[in-house]
Amino acid sequence: MKNKELLLIKSIHTVIWLFYNVVIFYLLYAVVADKIDKWVWICVGLVVAEGLVLLIFKWFCPLTIIARKYSDSDRDNFDIFLPEWLAKHNKLIYTGIFGIAILRLLYRMINP
């Protein structure tokens, strides 16, 4: 039964990760292409909300915390279907991309 729950958590976690990839890369595309619209602000809000969730849970995704009940693995990708190197550096990579998008957005707002 443990494997079934862990598989479900990994699947949900991966779908959410894919969703946030769309959000972050749409944001990056929109600011580079100068297509600032309501979706840009929705994307910013979603990423900020995700950041607040991570802050509340001491930089862990709540799904990771739940998945720990079903696995004693110490691998970085035990709770998501990602290569281990990507799971390990996920926050750093996507925070960097988000930061670049935000800097570009600020530039666009200051220099319309």
N, C-alpha and C. Protein backbone atom coordinates (compact mmCIF):
# COMPACT_ATOMS: atom_id res chain seq x y z
N MET A 1 0.82 -1.20 0.00
CA MET A 1 0.00 0.00 0.00
C MET A 1 0.86 1.26 0.00
N LYS A 2 2.01 1.23 0.69
CA LYS A 2 2.89 2.40 0.74
C LYS A 2 3.31 2.86 -0.65
N ASN A 3 3.61 1.90 -1.52
CA ASN A 3 4.05 2.25 -2.87
C ASN A 3 2.97 2.98 -3.66
N LYS A 4 1.72 2.60 -3.44
CA LYS A 4 0.61 3.22 -4.13
C LYS A 4 0.47 4.70 -3.72
N GLU A 5 0.56 4.96 -2.43
CA GLU A 5 0.46 6.33 -1.93
C GLU A 5 1.63 7.18 -2.42
N LEU A 6 2.83 6.61 -2.37
CA LEU A 6 4.01 7.35 -2.84
C LEU A 6 3.90 7.63 -4.34
N LEU A 7 3.43 6.68 -5.11
CA LEU A 7 3.24 6.89 -6.55
C LEU A 7 2.25 8.03 -6.80
N LEU A 8 1.17 8.06 -6.04
CA LEU A 8 0.18 9.13 -6.18
C LEU A 8 0.79 10.49 -5.84
N ILE A 9 1.53 10.55 -4.75
CA ILE A 9 2.18 11.81 -4.34
C ILE A 9 3.18 12.25 -5.39
N LYS A 10 4.00 11.32 -5.88
CA LYS A 10 4.99 11.67 -6.91
C LYS A 10 4.31 12.19 -8.17
N SER A 11 3.20 11.57 -8.54
CA SER A 11 2.46 12.00 -9.73
C SER A 11 1.88 13.40 -9.55
N ILE A 12 1.25 13.64 -8.43
CA ILE A 12 0.67 14.96 -8.15
C ILE A 12 1.78 16.01 -8.09
N HIS A 13 2.87 15.69 -7.41
CA HIS A 13 4.00 16.61 -7.28
C HIS A 13 4.57 16.96 -8.66
N THR A 14 4.68 15.98 -9.52
CA THR A 14 5.22 16.21 -10.87
C THR A 14 4.27 17.07 -11.69
N VAL A 15 2.98 16.85 -11.60
CA VAL A 15 2.00 17.67 -12.33
C VAL A 15 2.06 19.12 -11.85
N ILE A 16 2.16 19.32 -10.55
CA ILE A 16 2.28 20.68 -10.01
C ILE A 16 3.58 21.31 -10.48
N TRP A 17 4.67 20.56 -10.49
CA TRP A 17 5.95 21.06 -10.98
C TRP A 17 5.84 21.49 -12.44
N LEU A 18 5.18 20.67 -13.26
CA LEU A 18 4.98 21.01 -14.67
C LEU A 18 4.14 22.29 -14.81
N PHE A 19 3.10 22.41 -14.01
CA PHE A 19 2.27 23.61 -14.01
C PHE A 19 3.12 24.85 -13.73
N TYR A 20 3.96 24.78 -12.70
CA TYR A 20 4.80 25.93 -12.36
C TYR A 20 5.87 26.20 -13.41
N ASN A 21 6.27 25.20 -14.16
CA ASN A 21 7.16 25.44 -15.30
C ASN A 21 6.45 26.30 -16.34
N VAL A 22 5.20 25.97 -16.64
CA VAL A 22 4.42 26.77 -17.58
C VAL A 22 4.28 28.19 -17.06
N VAL A 23 3.97 28.33 -15.79
CA VAL A 23 3.81 29.65 -15.18
C VAL A 23 5.09 30.48 -15.31
N ILE A 24 6.20 29.92 -14.89
CA ILE A 24 7.47 30.67 -14.88
C ILE A 24 7.95 30.96 -16.31
N PHE A 25 7.83 30.01 -17.21
CA PHE A 25 8.30 30.25 -18.56
C PHE A 25 7.35 31.16 -19.34
N TYR A 26 6.05 31.14 -19.04
CA TYR A 26 5.16 32.13 -19.64
C TYR A 26 5.56 33.52 -19.16
N LEU A 27 5.82 33.64 -17.88
CA LEU A 27 6.24 34.93 -17.32
C LEU A 27 7.50 35.42 -18.02
N LEU A 28 8.48 34.57 -18.15
CA LEU A 28 9.73 34.94 -18.82
C LEU A 28 9.47 35.34 -20.28
N TYR A 29 8.70 34.54 -20.99
CA TYR A 29 8.36 34.85 -22.38
C TYR A 29 7.66 36.21 -22.47
N ALA A 30 6.68 36.43 -21.62
CA ALA A 30 5.87 37.66 -21.69
C ALA A 30 6.71 38.90 -21.45
N VAL A 31 7.63 38.85 -20.50
CA VAL A 31 8.43 40.05 -20.24
C VAL A 31 9.48 40.27 -21.33
N VAL A 32 10.01 39.20 -21.90
CA VAL A 32 10.98 39.35 -23.00
C VAL A 32 10.27 39.85 -24.25
N ALA A 33 9.08 39.35 -24.53
CA ALA A 33 8.32 39.74 -25.72
C ALA A 33 7.53 41.02 -25.50
N ASP A 34 7.63 41.59 -24.31
CA ASP A 34 6.90 42.82 -23.95
C ASP A 34 5.39 42.65 -24.11
N LYS A 35 4.90 41.54 -23.60
CA LYS A 35 3.46 41.27 -23.63
C LYS A 35 2.95 41.22 -22.18
N ILE A 36 3.09 42.34 -21.50
CA ILE A 36 2.68 42.42 -20.10
C ILE A 36 1.16 42.52 -20.07
N ASP A 37 0.53 41.52 -19.49
CA ASP A 37 -0.93 41.49 -19.39
C ASP A 37 -1.34 40.94 -18.03
N LYS A 38 -2.62 40.71 -17.86
CA LYS A 38 -3.09 40.22 -16.56
C LYS A 38 -2.48 38.87 -16.21
N TRP A 39 -2.15 38.05 -17.22
CA TRP A 39 -1.57 36.74 -16.96
C TRP A 39 -0.19 36.83 -16.33
N VAL A 40 0.54 37.87 -16.69
CA VAL A 40 1.86 38.09 -16.07
C VAL A 40 1.68 38.28 -14.57
N TRP A 41 0.71 39.09 -14.21
CA TRP A 41 0.49 39.37 -12.78
C TRP A 41 -0.07 38.14 -12.06
N ILE A 42 -0.87 37.36 -12.74
CA ILE A 42 -1.35 36.10 -12.16
C ILE A 42 -0.18 35.16 -11.93
N CYS A 43 0.73 35.09 -12.90
CA CYS A 43 1.93 34.25 -12.75
C CYS A 43 2.78 34.71 -11.57
N VAL A 44 3.00 36.01 -11.47
CA VAL A 44 3.78 36.54 -10.34
C VAL A 44 3.10 36.16 -9.04
N GLY A 45 1.79 36.33 -8.96
CA GLY A 45 1.06 35.97 -7.75
C GLY A 45 1.17 34.49 -7.41
N LEU A 46 1.09 33.63 -8.41
CA LEU A 46 1.20 32.19 -8.17
C LEU A 46 2.59 31.82 -7.64
N VAL A 47 3.62 32.40 -8.21
CA VAL A 47 4.98 32.08 -7.76
C VAL A 47 5.22 32.64 -6.36
N VAL A 48 4.72 33.82 -6.09
CA VAL A 48 4.86 34.39 -4.74
C VAL A 48 4.11 33.51 -3.73
N ALA A 49 2.91 33.06 -4.10
CA ALA A 49 2.15 32.16 -3.22
C ALA A 49 2.91 30.87 -2.96
N GLU A 50 3.52 30.32 -4.00
CA GLU A 50 4.33 29.11 -3.83
C GLU A 50 5.50 29.38 -2.88
N GLY A 51 6.13 30.53 -3.05
CA GLY A 51 7.23 30.91 -2.16
C GLY A 51 6.78 31.02 -0.71
N LEU A 52 5.60 31.56 -0.50
CA LEU A 52 5.08 31.66 0.87
C LEU A 52 4.81 30.28 1.47
N VAL A 53 4.29 29.38 0.65
CA VAL A 53 4.06 28.01 1.12
C VAL A 53 5.39 27.37 1.52
N LEU A 54 6.40 27.53 0.68
CA LEU A 54 7.72 26.97 1.01
C LEU A 54 8.28 27.61 2.28
N LEU A 55 8.08 28.90 2.43
CA LEU A 55 8.56 29.59 3.64
C LEU A 55 7.86 29.05 4.90
N ILE A 56 6.58 28.86 4.80
CA ILE A 56 5.81 28.32 5.94
C ILE A 56 6.28 26.92 6.31
N PHE A 57 6.62 26.12 5.31
CA PHE A 57 7.04 24.74 5.55
C PHE A 57 8.56 24.58 5.59
N LYS A 58 9.25 25.66 5.95
CA LYS A 58 10.71 25.64 6.15
C LYS A 58 11.45 25.17 4.90
N TRP A 59 11.07 25.69 3.77
CA TRP A 59 11.69 25.46 2.46
C TRP A 59 11.46 24.05 1.92
N PHE A 60 10.47 23.35 2.45
CA PHE A 60 10.08 22.05 1.91
C PHE A 60 8.69 22.16 1.32
N CYS A 61 8.48 21.48 0.21
CA CYS A 61 7.13 21.37 -0.35
C CYS A 61 6.31 20.50 0.61
N PRO A 62 5.06 20.88 0.87
CA PRO A 62 4.22 20.04 1.73
C PRO A 62 4.09 18.61 1.21
N LEU A 63 4.13 18.43 -0.10
CA LEU A 63 4.05 17.07 -0.65
C LEU A 63 5.28 16.25 -0.30
N THR A 64 6.42 16.90 -0.19
CA THR A 64 7.64 16.20 0.23
C THR A 64 7.49 15.71 1.66
N ILE A 65 6.93 16.55 2.50
CA ILE A 65 6.72 16.19 3.91
C ILE A 65 5.78 15.00 4.00
N ILE A 66 4.71 15.02 3.21
CA ILE A 66 3.76 13.90 3.21
C ILE A 66 4.43 12.64 2.66
N ALA A 67 5.20 12.79 1.59
CA ALA A 67 5.85 11.63 0.96
C ALA A 67 6.84 10.95 1.90
N ARG A 68 7.43 11.69 2.82
CA ARG A 68 8.37 11.10 3.78
C ARG A 68 7.73 10.01 4.63
N LYS A 69 6.43 10.06 4.79
CA LYS A 69 5.72 9.02 5.55
C LYS A 69 5.74 7.68 4.82
N TYR A 70 5.97 7.74 3.51
CA TYR A 70 5.90 6.53 2.69
C TYR A 70 7.25 6.09 2.13
N SER A 71 8.30 6.79 2.52
CA SER A 71 9.63 6.41 2.02
C SER A 71 10.70 6.86 3.01
N ASP A 72 11.74 6.07 3.13
CA ASP A 72 12.89 6.48 3.95
C ASP A 72 14.08 6.83 3.06
N SER A 73 13.82 7.05 1.77
CA SER A 73 14.87 7.39 0.82
C SER A 73 15.44 8.77 1.14
N ASP A 74 16.74 8.92 0.93
CA ASP A 74 17.37 10.23 1.11
C ASP A 74 17.69 10.88 -0.24
N ARG A 75 17.18 10.30 -1.31
CA ARG A 75 17.41 10.86 -2.66
C ARG A 75 16.58 12.13 -2.82
N ASP A 76 17.08 13.07 -3.59
CA ASP A 76 16.38 14.33 -3.80
C ASP A 76 15.12 14.18 -4.65
N ASN A 77 15.02 13.12 -5.39
CA ASN A 77 13.87 12.92 -6.26
C ASN A 77 12.95 11.79 -5.80
N PHE A 78 13.00 11.45 -4.52
CA PHE A 78 12.18 10.34 -4.04
C PHE A 78 10.69 10.66 -4.12
N ASP A 79 10.34 11.94 -4.19
CA ASP A 79 8.95 12.37 -4.12
C ASP A 79 8.44 13.01 -5.42
N ILE A 80 9.21 12.91 -6.49
CA ILE A 80 8.84 13.55 -7.75
C ILE A 80 9.53 12.82 -8.90
N PHE A 81 8.90 12.83 -10.06
CA PHE A 81 9.48 12.18 -11.23
C PHE A 81 10.37 13.18 -11.99
N LEU A 82 11.54 13.43 -11.43
CA LEU A 82 12.55 14.29 -12.04
C LEU A 82 13.90 13.61 -11.90
N PRO A 83 14.83 13.95 -12.79
CA PRO A 83 16.19 13.46 -12.57
C PRO A 83 16.70 14.01 -11.22
N GLU A 84 17.53 13.25 -10.56
CA GLU A 84 17.98 13.65 -9.23
C GLU A 84 18.68 15.01 -9.23
N TRP A 85 19.52 15.29 -10.23
CA TRP A 85 20.23 16.57 -10.28
C TRP A 85 19.25 17.73 -10.36
N LEU A 86 18.16 17.56 -11.11
CA LEU A 86 17.17 18.63 -11.25
C LEU A 86 16.36 18.80 -9.96
N ALA A 87 15.99 17.69 -9.35
CA ALA A 87 15.27 17.77 -8.08
C ALA A 87 16.14 18.45 -7.02
N LYS A 88 17.42 18.16 -7.04
CA LYS A 88 18.35 18.74 -6.06
C LYS A 88 18.50 20.25 -6.23
N HIS A 89 18.55 20.72 -7.47
CA HIS A 89 18.82 22.13 -7.74
C HIS A 89 17.57 22.89 -8.20
N ASN A 90 16.43 22.28 -8.09
CA ASN A 90 15.17 22.83 -8.58
C ASN A 90 14.90 24.25 -8.07
N LYS A 91 14.98 24.46 -6.78
CA LYS A 91 14.66 25.77 -6.21
C LYS A 91 15.63 26.83 -6.71
N LEU A 92 16.90 26.50 -6.77
CA LEU A 92 17.91 27.45 -7.23
C LEU A 92 17.69 27.82 -8.70
N ILE A 93 17.46 26.83 -9.54
CA ILE A 93 17.26 27.06 -10.97
C ILE A 93 16.03 27.94 -11.21
N TYR A 94 14.91 27.56 -10.63
CA TYR A 94 13.67 28.27 -10.92
C TYR A 94 13.57 29.61 -10.20
N THR A 95 14.21 29.74 -9.07
CA THR A 95 14.29 31.05 -8.43
C THR A 95 15.11 32.00 -9.30
N GLY A 96 16.18 31.49 -9.89
CA GLY A 96 16.99 32.30 -10.80
C GLY A 96 16.21 32.75 -12.02
N ILE A 97 15.47 31.83 -12.63
CA ILE A 97 14.67 32.18 -13.81
C ILE A 97 13.60 33.19 -13.43
N PHE A 98 12.94 32.98 -12.30
CA PHE A 98 11.92 33.92 -11.83
C PHE A 98 12.54 35.28 -11.55
N GLY A 99 13.71 35.29 -10.94
CA GLY A 99 14.40 36.54 -10.65
C GLY A 99 14.71 37.32 -11.91
N ILE A 100 15.19 36.63 -12.94
CA ILE A 100 15.48 37.27 -14.23
C ILE A 100 14.18 37.86 -14.82
N ALA A 101 13.10 37.09 -14.75
CA ALA A 101 11.82 37.56 -15.29
C ALA A 101 11.34 38.80 -14.52
N ILE A 102 11.50 38.79 -13.21
CA ILE A 102 11.06 39.93 -12.40
C ILE A 102 11.92 41.16 -12.70
N LEU A 103 13.22 40.97 -12.83
CA LEU A 103 14.08 42.10 -13.18
C LEU A 103 13.69 42.68 -14.55
N ARG A 104 13.42 41.81 -15.49
CA ARG A 104 12.99 42.27 -16.82
C ARG A 104 11.63 42.97 -16.74
N LEU A 105 10.73 42.45 -15.92
CA LEU A 105 9.42 43.07 -15.73
C LEU A 105 9.58 44.47 -15.13
N LEU A 106 10.42 44.60 -14.13
CA LEU A 106 10.66 45.91 -13.53
C LEU A 106 11.25 46.87 -14.55
N TYR A 107 12.18 46.39 -15.35
CA TYR A 107 12.76 47.21 -16.41
C TYR A 107 11.68 47.69 -17.37
N ARG A 108 10.81 46.78 -17.79
CA ARG A 108 9.72 47.12 -18.71
C ARG A 108 8.77 48.14 -18.09
N MET A 109 8.55 48.03 -16.81
CA MET A 109 7.64 48.98 -16.14
C MET A 109 8.27 50.36 -16.02
N ILE A 110 9.57 50.41 -15.79
CA ILE A 110 10.28 51.69 -15.64
C ILE A 110 10.50 52.33 -17.02
N ASN A 111 10.77 51.51 -18.02
CA ASN A 111 11.04 52.00 -19.39
C ASN A 111 10.01 51.42 -20.35
N PRO A 112 8.81 51.99 -20.36
CA PRO A 112 7.76 51.40 -21.23
C PRO A 112 8.04 51.54 -22.72
